[in-house]
Every structure is written in structure tokens, then in C-alpha cells.
Amino acid sequence: MQTVTPRAALGRVIAAVRTVSGAAQGVGLLVAGLVAASAGTVHVLDVQASLYLLCGVLALLFLGGRRTRREAVPEPAVSRATPS
């Protein structure tokens, strides 16, 4: 996001993303509370754990073989002059 957004608009874009994220968390809490009240807390946590496991397996399958290539960062030039 930071690499494709113009610097002049970066603050507004990040603020919008954080606002939407915060609103989604609030809505998620309300929905989870309603579902837990009707289905039971243990069932909701079982489904949540299953989804976490499924996402982990999918991540290993699709991303496990990828390796990120790190670019070598050049060392800063060191002055060879001796202090007087």
C-alpha cells in the first residue's frame, strides 16, 4: 500500500484503512456475541479453531515453498583517514 500510494495521500489512505479495520472489528464483536449467544461459546470457539487450522494448512501449501530473496544492502563507506 505504501509503495503504490502517492506520498501526499498516504496519511489519508492509512487513516481510511485503520478506520475500516476498527469498524470491522466492532461489527465482528457484535456478530460473534449474537452467534455465541445462540449457538454456544464452545461451538463458536471450535469453529474458530478449525478456521485457524485450515488457514495455516493453506498457507503452508501455497506459500511454504516460496523463499524471499533479500537484496544485499551496501555498507556505508568508511573513512580511512587517521584522526590527528
PDB file of N, CA and C in Angstrom:
ATOM      1  N   MET A   1       0.833  -1.174   0.000  1.00  0.00           N
ATOM      2  CA  MET A   1       0.000   0.000   0.000  1.00  0.00           C
ATOM      3  C   MET A   1       0.885   1.248   0.000  1.00  0.00           C
ATOM      4  N   GLN A   2       1.946   1.226   0.779  1.00  0.00           N
ATOM      5  CA  GLN A   2       2.784   2.408   0.859  1.00  0.00           C
ATOM      6  C   GLN A   2       3.590   2.635  -0.408  1.00  0.00           C
ATOM      7  N   THR A   3       3.822   1.588  -1.169  1.00  0.00           N
ATOM      8  CA  THR A   3       4.621   1.757  -2.386  1.00  0.00           C
ATOM      9  C   THR A   3       3.795   2.239  -3.561  1.00  0.00           C
ATOM     10  N   VAL A   4       2.488   2.048  -3.536  1.00  0.00           N
ATOM     11  CA  VAL A   4       1.655   2.456  -4.671  1.00  0.00           C
ATOM     12  C   VAL A   4       0.862   3.730  -4.402  1.00  0.00           C
ATOM     13  N   THR A   5       0.836   4.184  -3.161  1.00  0.00           N
ATOM     14  CA  THR A   5       0.091   5.384  -2.812  1.00  0.00           C
ATOM     15  C   THR A   5       1.007   6.603  -2.898  1.00  0.00           C
ATOM     16  N   PRO A   6       0.553   7.670  -3.544  1.00  0.00           N
ATOM     17  CA  PRO A   6       1.369   8.888  -3.581  1.00  0.00           C
ATOM     18  C   PRO A   6       1.618   9.416  -2.164  1.00  0.00           C
ATOM     19  N   ARG A   7       2.792   9.971  -1.945  1.00  0.00           N
ATOM     20  CA  ARG A   7       3.154  10.452  -0.603  1.00  0.00           C
ATOM     21  C   ARG A   7       2.162  11.475  -0.063  1.00  0.00           C
ATOM     22  N   ALA A   8       1.608  12.303  -0.930  1.00  0.00           N
ATOM     23  CA  ALA A   8       0.677  13.338  -0.484  1.00  0.00           C
ATOM     24  C   ALA A   8      -0.615  12.744   0.070  1.00  0.00           C
ATOM     25  N   ALA A   9      -0.989  11.553  -0.388  1.00  0.00           N
ATOM     26  CA  ALA A   9      -2.246  10.936   0.044  1.00  0.00           C
ATOM     27  C   ALA A   9      -2.032   9.799   1.035  1.00  0.00           C
ATOM     28  N   LEU A  10      -0.794   9.505   1.398  1.00  0.00           N
ATOM     29  CA  LEU A  10      -0.507   8.342   2.225  1.00  0.00           C
ATOM     30  C   LEU A  10      -1.171   8.420   3.592  1.00  0.00           C
ATOM     31  N   GLY A  11      -1.162   9.563   4.222  1.00  0.00           N
ATOM     32  CA  GLY A  11      -1.795   9.708   5.537  1.00  0.00           C
ATOM     33  C   GLY A  11      -3.287   9.449   5.486  1.00  0.00           C
ATOM     34  N   ARG A  12      -3.955   9.977   4.459  1.00  0.00           N
ATOM     35  CA  ARG A  12      -5.400   9.768   4.331  1.00  0.00           C
ATOM     36  C   ARG A  12      -5.724   8.307   4.047  1.00  0.00           C
ATOM     37  N   VAL A  13      -4.902   7.652   3.234  1.00  0.00           N
ATOM     38  CA  VAL A  13      -5.154   6.244   2.898  1.00  0.00           C
ATOM     39  C   VAL A  13      -4.979   5.372   4.132  1.00  0.00           C
ATOM     40  N   ILE A  14      -3.918   5.593   4.885  1.00  0.00           N
ATOM     41  CA  ILE A  14      -3.697   4.796   6.091  1.00  0.00           C
ATOM     42  C   ILE A  14      -4.806   5.051   7.111  1.00  0.00           C
ATOM     43  N   ALA A  15      -5.242   6.299   7.243  1.00  0.00           N
ATOM     44  CA  ALA A  15      -6.345   6.616   8.161  1.00  0.00           C
ATOM     45  C   ALA A  15      -7.624   5.912   7.741  1.00  0.00           C
ATOM     46  N   ALA A  16      -7.898   5.867   6.442  1.00  0.00           N
ATOM     47  CA  ALA A  16      -9.104   5.187   5.960  1.00  0.00           C
ATOM     48  C   ALA A  16      -9.029   3.685   6.222  1.00  0.00           C
ATOM     49  N   VAL A  17      -7.864   3.097   5.993  1.00  0.00           N
ATOM     50  CA  VAL A  17      -7.710   1.659   6.237  1.00  0.00           C
ATOM     51  C   VAL A  17      -7.898   1.344   7.718  1.00  0.00           C
ATOM     52  N   ARG A  18      -7.320   2.165   8.578  1.00  0.00           N
ATOM     53  CA  ARG A  18      -7.459   1.914  10.016  1.00  0.00           C
ATOM     54  C   ARG A  18      -8.892   2.132  10.482  1.00  0.00           C
ATOM     55  N   THR A  19      -9.598   3.086   9.899  1.00  0.00           N
ATOM     56  CA  THR A  19     -10.988   3.324  10.265  1.00  0.00           C
ATOM     57  C   THR A  19     -11.855   2.137   9.876  1.00  0.00           C
ATOM     58  N   VAL A  20     -11.677   1.641   8.661  1.00  0.00           N
ATOM     59  CA  VAL A  20     -12.450   0.487   8.210  1.00  0.00           C
ATOM     60  C   VAL A  20     -12.112  -0.739   9.058  1.00  0.00           C
ATOM     61  N   SER A  21     -10.844  -0.906   9.395  1.00  0.00           N
ATOM     62  CA  SER A  21     -10.429  -2.032  10.226  1.00  0.00           C
ATOM     63  C   SER A  21     -11.071  -1.965  11.605  1.00  0.00           C
ATOM     64  N   GLY A  22     -11.073  -0.809  12.208  1.00  0.00           N
ATOM     65  CA  GLY A  22     -11.704  -0.647  13.518  1.00  0.00           C
ATOM     66  C   GLY A  22     -13.198  -0.888  13.473  1.00  0.00           C
ATOM     67  N   ALA A  23     -13.861  -0.397  12.435  1.00  0.00           N
ATOM     68  CA  ALA A  23     -15.303  -0.620  12.296  1.00  0.00           C
ATOM     69  C   ALA A  23     -15.596  -2.102  12.092  1.00  0.00           C
ATOM     70  N   ALA A  24     -14.764  -2.790  11.307  1.00  0.00           N
ATOM     71  CA  ALA A  24     -14.969  -4.222  11.078  1.00  0.00           C
ATOM     72  C   ALA A  24     -14.790  -5.008  12.372  1.00  0.00           C
ATOM     73  N   GLN A  25     -13.856  -4.587  13.220  1.00  0.00           N
ATOM     74  CA  GLN A  25     -13.689  -5.270  14.499  1.00  0.00           C
ATOM     75  C   GLN A  25     -14.930  -5.113  15.363  1.00  0.00           C
ATOM     76  N   GLY A  26     -15.489  -3.910  15.390  1.00  0.00           N
ATOM     77  CA  GLY A  26     -16.702  -3.687  16.167  1.00  0.00           C
ATOM     78  C   GLY A  26     -17.869  -4.523  15.669  1.00  0.00           C
ATOM     79  N   VAL A  27     -18.055  -4.560  14.361  1.00  0.00           N
ATOM     80  CA  VAL A  27     -19.133  -5.368  13.778  1.00  0.00           C
ATOM     81  C   VAL A  27     -18.884  -6.847  14.057  1.00  0.00           C
ATOM     82  N   GLY A  28     -17.625  -7.280  13.949  1.00  0.00           N
ATOM     83  CA  GLY A  28     -17.294  -8.672  14.231  1.00  0.00           C
ATOM     84  C   GLY A  28     -17.595  -9.066  15.663  1.00  0.00           C
ATOM     85  N   LEU A  29     -17.315  -8.164  16.603  1.00  0.00           N
ATOM     86  CA  LEU A  29     -17.625  -8.449  18.001  1.00  0.00           C
ATOM     87  C   LEU A  29     -19.128  -8.594  18.226  1.00  0.00           C
ATOM     88  N   LEU A  30     -19.900  -7.724  17.602  1.00  0.00           N
ATOM     89  CA  LEU A  30     -21.352  -7.824  17.745  1.00  0.00           C
ATOM     90  C   LEU A  30     -21.893  -9.121  17.152  1.00  0.00           C
ATOM     91  N   VAL A  31     -21.432  -9.471  15.967  1.00  0.00           N
ATOM     92  CA  VAL A  31     -21.894 -10.703  15.312  1.00  0.00           C
ATOM     93  C   VAL A  31     -21.458 -11.919  16.123  1.00  0.00           C
ATOM     94  N   ALA A  32     -20.211 -11.918  16.596  1.00  0.00           N
ATOM     95  CA  ALA A  32     -19.724 -13.051  17.386  1.00  0.00           C
ATOM     96  C   ALA A  32     -20.522 -13.196  18.678  1.00  0.00           C
ATOM     97  N   GLY A  33     -20.886 -12.096  19.291  1.00  0.00           N
ATOM     98  CA  GLY A  33     -21.705 -12.165  20.502  1.00  0.00           C
ATOM     99  C   GLY A  33     -23.073 -12.750  20.234  1.00  0.00           C
ATOM    100  N   LEU A  34     -23.689 -12.343  19.129  1.00  0.00           N
ATOM    101  CA  LEU A  34     -25.001 -12.890  18.786  1.00  0.00           C
ATOM    102  C   LEU A  34     -24.927 -14.383  18.456  1.00  0.00           C
ATOM    103  N   VAL A  35     -23.911 -14.761  17.705  1.00  0.00           N
ATOM    104  CA  VAL A  35     -23.755 -16.171  17.344  1.00  0.00           C
ATOM    105  C   VAL A  35     -23.442 -17.006  18.575  1.00  0.00           C
ATOM    106  N   ALA A  36     -22.572 -16.511  19.449  1.00  0.00           N
ATOM    107  CA  ALA A  36     -22.223 -17.255  20.660  1.00  0.00           C
ATOM    108  C   ALA A  36     -23.423 -17.399  21.584  1.00  0.00           C
ATOM    109  N   ALA A  37     -24.282 -16.379  21.619  1.00  0.00           N
ATOM    110  CA  ALA A  37     -25.463 -16.465  22.465  1.00  0.00           C
ATOM    111  C   ALA A  37     -26.451 -17.505  21.944  1.00  0.00           C
ATOM    112  N   SER A  38     -26.522 -17.669  20.627  1.00  0.00           N
ATOM    113  CA  SER A  38     -27.494 -18.618  20.084  1.00  0.00           C
ATOM    114  C   SER A  38     -26.916 -20.025  19.916  1.00  0.00           C
ATOM    115  N   ALA A  39     -25.646 -20.148  19.548  1.00  0.00           N
ATOM    116  CA  ALA A  39     -25.069 -21.466  19.276  1.00  0.00           C
ATOM    117  C   ALA A  39     -24.230 -21.995  20.438  1.00  0.00           C
ATOM    118  N   GLY A  40     -23.798 -21.139  21.318  1.00  0.00           N
ATOM    119  CA  GLY A  40     -22.951 -21.561  22.426  1.00  0.00           C
ATOM    120  C   GLY A  40     -21.503 -21.180  22.175  1.00  0.00           C
ATOM    121  N   THR A  41     -20.860 -20.774  23.229  1.00  0.00           N
ATOM    122  CA  THR A  41     -19.491 -20.281  23.121  1.00  0.00           C
ATOM    123  C   THR A  41     -18.518 -21.361  22.666  1.00  0.00           C
ATOM    124  N   VAL A  42     -18.687 -22.574  23.185  1.00  0.00           N
ATOM    125  CA  VAL A  42     -17.756 -23.655  22.844  1.00  0.00           C
ATOM    126  C   VAL A  42     -17.823 -23.978  21.356  1.00  0.00           C
ATOM    127  N   HIS A  43     -19.000 -23.986  20.787  1.00  0.00           N
ATOM    128  CA  HIS A  43     -19.138 -24.267  19.357  1.00  0.00           C
ATOM    129  C   HIS A  43     -18.489 -23.172  18.511  1.00  0.00           C
ATOM    130  N   VAL A  44     -18.666 -21.937  18.923  1.00  0.00           N
ATOM    131  CA  VAL A  44     -18.054 -20.823  18.189  1.00  0.00           C
ATOM    132  C   VAL A  44     -16.531 -20.930  18.244  1.00  0.00           C
ATOM    133  N   LEU A  45     -15.981 -21.254  19.406  1.00  0.00           N
ATOM    134  CA  LEU A  45     -14.534 -21.391  19.531  1.00  0.00           C
ATOM    135  C   LEU A  45     -14.013 -22.597  18.751  1.00  0.00           C
ATOM    136  N   ASP A  46     -14.806 -23.672  18.677  1.00  0.00           N
ATOM    137  CA  ASP A  46     -14.406 -24.830  17.871  1.00  0.00           C
ATOM    138  C   ASP A  46     -14.328 -24.470  16.389  1.00  0.00           C
ATOM    139  N   VAL A  47     -15.309 -23.738  15.905  1.00  0.00           N
ATOM    140  CA  VAL A  47     -15.307 -23.311  14.506  1.00  0.00           C
ATOM    141  C   VAL A  47     -14.140 -22.361  14.251  1.00  0.00           C
ATOM    142  N   GLN A  48     -13.886 -21.461  15.182  1.00  0.00           N
ATOM    143  CA  GLN A  48     -12.775 -20.526  15.028  1.00  0.00           C
ATOM    144  C   GLN A  48     -11.447 -21.278  14.969  1.00  0.00           C
ATOM    145  N   ALA A  49     -11.246 -22.244  15.843  1.00  0.00           N
ATOM    146  CA  ALA A  49     -10.005 -23.024  15.837  1.00  0.00           C
ATOM    147  C   ALA A  49      -9.850 -23.796  14.534  1.00  0.00           C
ATOM    148  N   SER A  50     -10.952 -24.341  14.022  1.00  0.00           N
ATOM    149  CA  SER A  50     -10.902 -25.073  12.755  1.00  0.00           C
ATOM    150  C   SER A  50     -10.509 -24.156  11.605  1.00  0.00           C
ATOM    151  N   LEU A  51     -11.038 -22.948  11.601  1.00  0.00           N
ATOM    152  CA  LEU A  51     -10.682 -21.991  10.551  1.00  0.00           C
ATOM    153  C   LEU A  51      -9.214 -21.590  10.641  1.00  0.00           C
ATOM    154  N   TYR A  52      -8.700 -21.412  11.865  1.00  0.00           N
ATOM    155  CA  TYR A  52      -7.271 -21.100  12.030  1.00  0.00           C
ATOM    156  C   TYR A  52      -6.414 -22.231  11.474  1.00  0.00           C
ATOM    157  N   LEU A  53      -6.765 -23.471  11.792  1.00  0.00           N
ATOM    158  CA  LEU A  53      -6.000 -24.611  11.286  1.00  0.00           C
ATOM    159  C   LEU A  53      -6.065 -24.692   9.771  1.00  0.00           C
ATOM    160  N   LEU A  54      -7.252 -24.491   9.214  1.00  0.00           N
ATOM    161  CA  LEU A  54      -7.402 -24.531   7.764  1.00  0.00           C
ATOM    162  C   LEU A  54      -6.554 -23.448   7.092  1.00  0.00           C
ATOM    163  N   CYS A  55      -6.567 -22.239   7.638  1.00  0.00           N
ATOM    164  CA  CYS A  55      -5.754 -21.153   7.065  1.00  0.00           C
ATOM    165  C   CYS A  55      -4.271 -21.465   7.167  1.00  0.00           C
ATOM    166  N   GLY A  56      -3.851 -22.075   8.257  1.00  0.00           N
ATOM    167  CA  GLY A  56      -2.449 -22.447   8.404  1.00  0.00           C
ATOM    168  C   GLY A  56      -2.023 -23.493   7.396  1.00  0.00           C
ATOM    169  N   VAL A  57      -2.867 -24.501   7.181  1.00  0.00           N
ATOM    170  CA  VAL A  57      -2.562 -25.542   6.195  1.00  0.00           C
ATOM    171  C   VAL A  57      -2.516 -24.946   4.792  1.00  0.00           C
ATOM    172  N   LEU A  58      -3.478 -24.081   4.467  1.00  0.00           N
ATOM    173  CA  LEU A  58      -3.479 -23.446   3.151  1.00  0.00           C
ATOM    174  C   LEU A  58      -2.251 -22.564   2.957  1.00  0.00           C
ATOM    175  N   ALA A  59      -1.840 -21.868   3.996  1.00  0.00           N
ATOM    176  CA  ALA A  59      -0.643 -21.033   3.886  1.00  0.00           C
ATOM    177  C   ALA A  59       0.595 -21.888   3.646  1.00  0.00           C
ATOM    178  N   LEU A  60       0.681 -23.029   4.333  1.00  0.00           N
ATOM    179  CA  LEU A  60       1.828 -23.916   4.108  1.00  0.00           C
ATOM    180  C   LEU A  60       1.821 -24.488   2.702  1.00  0.00           C
ATOM    181  N   LEU A  61       0.640 -24.833   2.209  1.00  0.00           N
ATOM    182  CA  LEU A  61       0.546 -25.403   0.864  1.00  0.00           C
ATOM    183  C   LEU A  61       0.902 -24.391  -0.215  1.00  0.00           C
ATOM    184  N   PHE A  62       0.377 -23.185  -0.086  1.00  0.00           N
ATOM    185  CA  PHE A  62       0.553 -22.202  -1.147  1.00  0.00           C
ATOM    186  C   PHE A  62       1.797 -21.330  -0.980  1.00  0.00           C
ATOM    187  N   LEU A  63       2.244 -21.126   0.250  1.00  0.00           N
ATOM    188  CA  LEU A  63       3.367 -20.226   0.477  1.00  0.00           C
ATOM    189  C   LEU A  63       4.591 -20.926   1.049  1.00  0.00           C
ATOM    190  N   GLY A  64       4.472 -22.173   1.407  1.00  0.00           N
ATOM    191  CA  GLY A  64       5.556 -22.876   2.075  1.00  0.00           C
ATOM    192  C   GLY A  64       6.806 -23.017   1.240  1.00  0.00           C
ATOM    193  N   GLY A  65       6.684 -23.180  -0.066  1.00  0.00           N
ATOM    194  CA  GLY A  65       7.849 -23.374  -0.908  1.00  0.00           C
ATOM    195  C   GLY A  65       8.526 -22.093  -1.343  1.00  0.00           C
ATOM    196  N   ARG A  66       7.902 -20.979  -1.098  1.00  0.00           N
ATOM    197  CA  ARG A  66       8.475 -19.701  -1.534  1.00  0.00           C
ATOM    198  C   ARG A  66       9.543 -19.232  -0.574  1.00  0.00           C
ATOM    199  N   ARG A  67      10.567 -18.693  -1.128  1.00  0.00           N
ATOM    200  CA  ARG A  67      11.633 -18.090  -0.326  1.00  0.00           C
ATOM    201  C   ARG A  67      11.747 -16.637  -0.753  1.00  0.00           C
ATOM    202  N   THR A  68      11.861 -15.769   0.215  1.00  0.00           N
ATOM    203  CA  THR A  68      12.051 -14.366  -0.127  1.00  0.00           C
ATOM    204  C   THR A  68      13.527 -14.126  -0.365  1.00  0.00           C
ATOM    205  N   ARG A  69      13.802 -13.354  -1.384  1.00  0.00           N
ATOM    206  CA  ARG A  69      15.184 -13.035  -1.722  1.00  0.00           C
ATOM    207  C   ARG A  69      15.513 -11.675  -1.126  1.00  0.00           C
ATOM    208  N   ARG A  70      16.510 -11.667  -0.291  1.00  0.00           N
ATOM    209  CA  ARG A  70      16.910 -10.404   0.327  1.00  0.00           C
ATOM    210  C   ARG A  70      18.010  -9.770  -0.495  1.00  0.00           C
ATOM    211  N   GLU A  71      17.814  -8.524  -0.771  1.00  0.00           N
ATOM    212  CA  GLU A  71      18.822  -7.775  -1.502  1.00  0.00           C
ATOM    213  C   GLU A  71      19.933  -7.386  -0.540  1.00  0.00           C
ATOM    214  N   ALA A  72      21.147  -7.467  -0.991  1.00  0.00           N
ATOM    215  CA  ALA A  72      22.273  -7.067  -0.158  1.00  0.00           C
ATOM    216  C   ALA A  72      22.276  -5.554  -0.009  1.00  0.00           C
ATOM    217  N   VAL A  73      22.330  -5.106   1.215  1.00  0.00           N
ATOM    218  CA  VAL A  73      22.381  -3.674   1.490  1.00  0.00           C
ATOM    219  C   VAL A  73      23.845  -3.273   1.554  1.00  0.00           C
ATOM    220  N   PRO A  74      24.259  -2.327   0.732  1.00  0.00           N
ATOM    221  CA  PRO A  74      25.672  -1.940   0.747  1.00  0.00           C
ATOM    222  C   PRO A  74      26.050  -1.290   2.074  1.00  0.00           C
ATOM    223  N   GLU A  75      27.245  -1.595   2.518  1.00  0.00           N
ATOM    224  CA  GLU A  75      27.775  -0.999   3.743  1.00  0.00           C
ATOM    225  C   GLU A  75      28.155   0.450   3.454  1.00  0.00           C
ATOM    226  N   PRO A  76      27.984   1.342   4.431  1.00  0.00           N
ATOM    227  CA  PRO A  76      28.404   2.727   4.211  1.00  0.00           C
ATOM    228  C   PRO A  76      29.922   2.797   4.095  1.00  0.00           C
ATOM    229  N   ALA A  77      30.386   3.745   3.314  1.00  0.00           N
ATOM    230  CA  ALA A  77      31.826   3.917   3.118  1.00  0.00           C
ATOM    231  C   ALA A  77      32.476   4.343   4.427  1.00  0.00           C
ATOM    232  N   VAL A  78      33.594   3.693   4.738  1.00  0.00           N
ATOM    233  CA  VAL A  78      34.314   4.009   5.976  1.00  0.00           C
ATOM    234  C   VAL A  78      35.519   4.872   5.607  1.00  0.00           C
ATOM    235  N   SER A  79      35.683   5.954   6.331  1.00  0.00           N
ATOM    236  CA  SER A  79      36.812   6.847   6.082  1.00  0.00           C
ATOM    237  C   SER A  79      38.084   6.198   6.634  1.00  0.00           C
ATOM    238  N   ARG A  80      39.126   6.160   5.813  1.00  0.00           N
ATOM    239  CA  ARG A  80      40.391   5.550   6.215  1.00  0.00           C
ATOM    240  C   ARG A  80      41.366   6.587   6.769  1.00  0.00           C
ATOM    241  N   ALA A  81      40.926   7.810   6.884  1.00  0.00           N
ATOM    242  CA  ALA A  81      41.802   8.870   7.407  1.00  0.00           C
ATOM    243  C   ALA A  81      42.009   8.653   8.898  1.00  0.00           C
ATOM    244  N   THR A  82      43.206   8.872   9.356  1.00  0.00           N
ATOM    245  CA  THR A  82      43.502   8.715  10.770  1.00  0.00           C
ATOM    246  C   THR A  82      43.262  10.035  11.476  1.00  0.00           C
ATOM    247  N   PRO A  83      42.701   9.956  12.679  1.00  0.00           N
ATOM    248  CA  PRO A  83      42.433  11.209  13.409  1.00  0.00           C
ATOM    249  C   PRO A  83      43.754  11.834  13.833  1.00  0.00           C
ATOM    250  N   SER A  84      43.808  13.149  13.842  1.00  0.00           N
ATOM    251  CA  SER A  84      45.050  13.825  14.220  1.00  0.00           C
ATOM    252  C   SER A  84      44.956  14.438  15.580  1.00  0.00           C
TER     253      SER A  84
END
